[in-house]
Structure formats: structure tokens, C-alpha cells
C-alpha atoms as a PDB file:
ATOM      1  CA  MET A   1     -12.116   6.554 -36.001  1.00  0.00           C
ATOM      2  CA  THR A   2      -9.926   6.193 -32.919  1.00  0.00           C
ATOM      3  CA  SER A   3     -10.297   3.086 -30.940  1.00  0.00           C
ATOM      4  CA  ILE A   4      -9.054   2.714 -27.284  1.00  0.00           C
ATOM      5  CA  SER A   5      -8.075  -0.854 -26.328  1.00  0.00           C
ATOM      6  CA  ALA A   6      -9.273  -2.084 -22.864  1.00  0.00           C
ATOM      7  CA  ALA A   7      -5.779  -2.627 -21.758  1.00  0.00           C
ATOM      8  CA  SER A   8      -5.031   1.037 -22.120  1.00  0.00           C
ATOM      9  CA  ILE A   9      -7.903   2.018 -19.886  1.00  0.00           C
ATOM     10  CA  ASN A  10      -7.348   2.227 -16.218  1.00  0.00           C
ATOM     11  CA  THR A  11      -3.585   1.292 -16.360  1.00  0.00           C
ATOM     12  CA  ARG A  12      -2.791   3.271 -13.409  1.00  0.00           C
ATOM     13  CA  GLN A  13      -1.946   1.009 -10.530  1.00  0.00           C
ATOM     14  CA  SER A  14      -2.874   1.833  -6.958  1.00  0.00           C
ATOM     15  CA  PRO A  15      -0.024   2.363  -4.598  1.00  0.00           C
ATOM     16  CA  LEU A  16      -0.830  -0.994  -2.906  1.00  0.00           C
ATOM     17  CA  GLN A  17      -0.519  -2.807  -6.188  1.00  0.00           C
ATOM     18  CA  MET A  18       2.756  -1.092  -6.968  1.00  0.00           C
ATOM     19  CA  LEU A  19       4.060  -2.210  -3.670  1.00  0.00           C
ATOM     20  CA  ARG A  20       2.621  -5.802  -4.105  1.00  0.00           C
ATOM     21  CA  ASN A  21       4.543  -5.979  -7.501  1.00  0.00           C
ATOM     22  CA  GLU A  22       7.782  -4.632  -5.945  1.00  0.00           C
ATOM     23  CA  LEU A  23       7.425  -7.349  -3.144  1.00  0.00           C
ATOM     24  CA  LEU A  24       6.884 -10.052  -5.924  1.00  0.00           C
ATOM     25  CA  SER A  25      10.180  -8.642  -7.823  1.00  0.00           C
ATOM     26  CA  GLU A  26      12.058  -9.033  -4.616  1.00  0.00           C
ATOM     27  CA  VAL A  27      10.805 -12.394  -3.979  1.00  0.00           C
ATOM     28  CA  LYS A  28      11.740 -13.564  -7.467  1.00  0.00           C
ATOM     29  CA  SER A  29      15.196 -11.970  -7.209  1.00  0.00           C
ATOM     30  CA  GLY A  30      15.794 -13.878  -3.841  1.00  0.00           C
ATOM     31  CA  ALA A  31      16.070 -10.566  -1.720  1.00  0.00           C
ATOM     32  CA  ILE A  32      13.003 -11.623   0.252  1.00  0.00           C
ATOM     33  CA  SER A  33      12.182 -15.190   1.104  1.00  0.00           C
ATOM     34  CA  SER A  34       8.887 -16.401  -0.141  1.00  0.00           C
ATOM     35  CA  SER A  35       8.186 -17.620   3.555  1.00  0.00           C
ATOM     36  CA  ASP A  36       8.231 -13.829   4.431  1.00  0.00           C
ATOM     37  CA  GLN A  37       6.052 -12.797   1.446  1.00  0.00           C
ATOM     38  CA  ASP A  38       2.691 -13.646   2.976  1.00  0.00           C
ATOM     39  CA  ALA A  39       3.223 -11.605   6.130  1.00  0.00           C
ATOM     40  CA  LEU A  40       4.693  -8.679   4.271  1.00  0.00           C
ATOM     41  CA  SER A  41       1.815  -8.775   1.915  1.00  0.00           C
ATOM     42  CA  ALA A  42      -0.739  -9.001   4.731  1.00  0.00           C
ATOM     43  CA  ALA A  43       1.046  -5.970   6.433  1.00  0.00           C
ATOM     44  CA  LEU A  44       0.872  -3.981   3.156  1.00  0.00           C
ATOM     45  CA  THR A  45      -2.981  -4.762   3.024  1.00  0.00           C
ATOM     46  CA  ASP A  46      -3.635  -3.865   6.774  1.00  0.00           C
ATOM     47  CA  ILE A  47      -1.570  -0.425   6.333  1.00  0.00           C
ATOM     48  CA  ASP A  48      -3.506   0.347   3.026  1.00  0.00           C
ATOM     49  CA  SER A  49      -6.843  -0.434   4.846  1.00  0.00           C
ATOM     50  CA  ALA A  50      -5.961   1.865   7.760  1.00  0.00           C
ATOM     51  CA  MET A  51      -4.826   4.782   5.244  1.00  0.00           C
ATOM     52  CA  GLN A  52      -7.872   4.515   3.441  1.00  0.00           C
ATOM     53  CA  ALA A  53      -9.932   4.852   6.649  1.00  0.00           C
ATOM     54  CA  SER A  54      -7.970   7.661   7.593  1.00  0.00           C
ATOM     55  CA  ARG A  55      -8.470   9.349   4.267  1.00  0.00           C
ATOM     56  CA  ALA A  56     -12.211   8.754   4.493  1.00  0.00           C
ATOM     57  CA  SER A  57     -12.349  10.048   7.973  1.00  0.00           C
ATOM     58  CA  ALA A  58     -10.425  13.177   6.912  1.00  0.00           C
ATOM     59  CA  GLN A  59     -12.774  13.708   3.870  1.00  0.00           C
ATOM     60  CA  ALA A  60     -15.781  13.392   6.181  1.00  0.00           C
ATOM     61  CA  SER A  61     -14.472  15.906   8.591  1.00  0.00           C
ATOM     62  CA  GLY A  62     -13.152  18.325   5.904  1.00  0.00           C
ATOM     63  CA  THR A  63      -9.601  18.220   7.223  1.00  0.00           C
ATOM     64  CA  ARG A  64      -6.546  17.560   5.236  1.00  0.00           C
ATOM     65  CA  PRO A  65      -3.438  15.873   7.295  1.00  0.00           C
ATOM     66  CA  SER A  66      -0.234  17.541   6.507  1.00  0.00           C
ATOM     67  CA  PRO A  67       2.823  15.461   4.811  1.00  0.00           C
ATOM     68  CA  ASP A  68       4.398  15.179   8.149  1.00  0.00           C
ATOM     69  CA  GLU A  69       1.160  13.869   9.879  1.00  0.00           C
ATOM     70  CA  LEU A  70       0.799  11.276   6.959  1.00  0.00           C
ATOM     71  CA  LYS A  71       4.500  10.173   7.386  1.00  0.00           C
ATOM     72  CA  SER A  72       3.998   9.925  11.067  1.00  0.00           C
ATOM     73  CA  LYS A  73       0.855   7.890  10.509  1.00  0.00           C
ATOM     74  CA  ILE A  74       2.693   5.429   8.091  1.00  0.00           C
ATOM     75  CA  ASP A  75       5.677   5.092  10.357  1.00  0.00           C
ATOM     76  CA  ASP A  76       3.180   4.187  13.296  1.00  0.00           C
ATOM     77  CA  LEU A  77       1.376   1.736  11.174  1.00  0.00           C
ATOM     78  CA  ILE A  78       4.622  -0.007   9.814  1.00  0.00           C
ATOM     79  CA  ALA A  79       6.011  -0.078  13.430  1.00  0.00           C
ATOM     80  CA  GLY A  80       2.671  -1.643  14.484  1.00  0.00           C
ATOM     81  CA  GLN A  81       3.007  -4.365  11.858  1.00  0.00           C
ATOM     82  CA  VAL A  82       6.463  -5.091  12.551  1.00  0.00           C
ATOM     83  CA  THR A  83       5.606  -5.604  16.263  1.00  0.00           C
ATOM     84  CA  ARG A  84       2.521  -7.658  15.443  1.00  0.00           C
ATOM     85  CA  ARG A  85       3.894  -9.907  12.808  1.00  0.00           C
ATOM     86  CA  PHE A  86       7.613 -10.207  13.448  1.00  0.00           C
END
């Protein structure tokens, strides 16, 4: 009989969680100050929320954005976060 541990189920991380883990690693290494961590983490959350809303809208309308459109959207969201937070 084969058993599957709970740890092996759903081990795939979301892009947001992977970025948060990378941010934490950068803070631990000293590359990013802990005082900047909160602002960067909030920016990641806002960008992720906007991308999820965009994805839901695209699914509802039956359209699929091109890779260039996605890149442009992400670039615009990042620029907006930089302007707003820094």
C-alpha cells in the first residue's frame, strides 16, 4: 500500500510565495534592508492581486492576453508601485 504524506501534497508554491521567499532570502543576506521588506512585500501583494483580477477578467471575457501584453501590464504595475511607495 502506498501512502502519501501531507507534506508531499500541494508542494507547488504560487509565484507570489516564491517571490516572498526570495525577498526573505535577500533580507537575510543583507542585500535588502528589513525596513524595505514591508514595502516590497506589500507591493508584491498588490501586483499579485491586480494580476489575479486581470486573469479573472480575461477568463470571463474569453480572451487571453499575449505574453507582450502581460509583460507590459506587469511593468506598469511595478512602475506604479515604485511611484506610490518610494
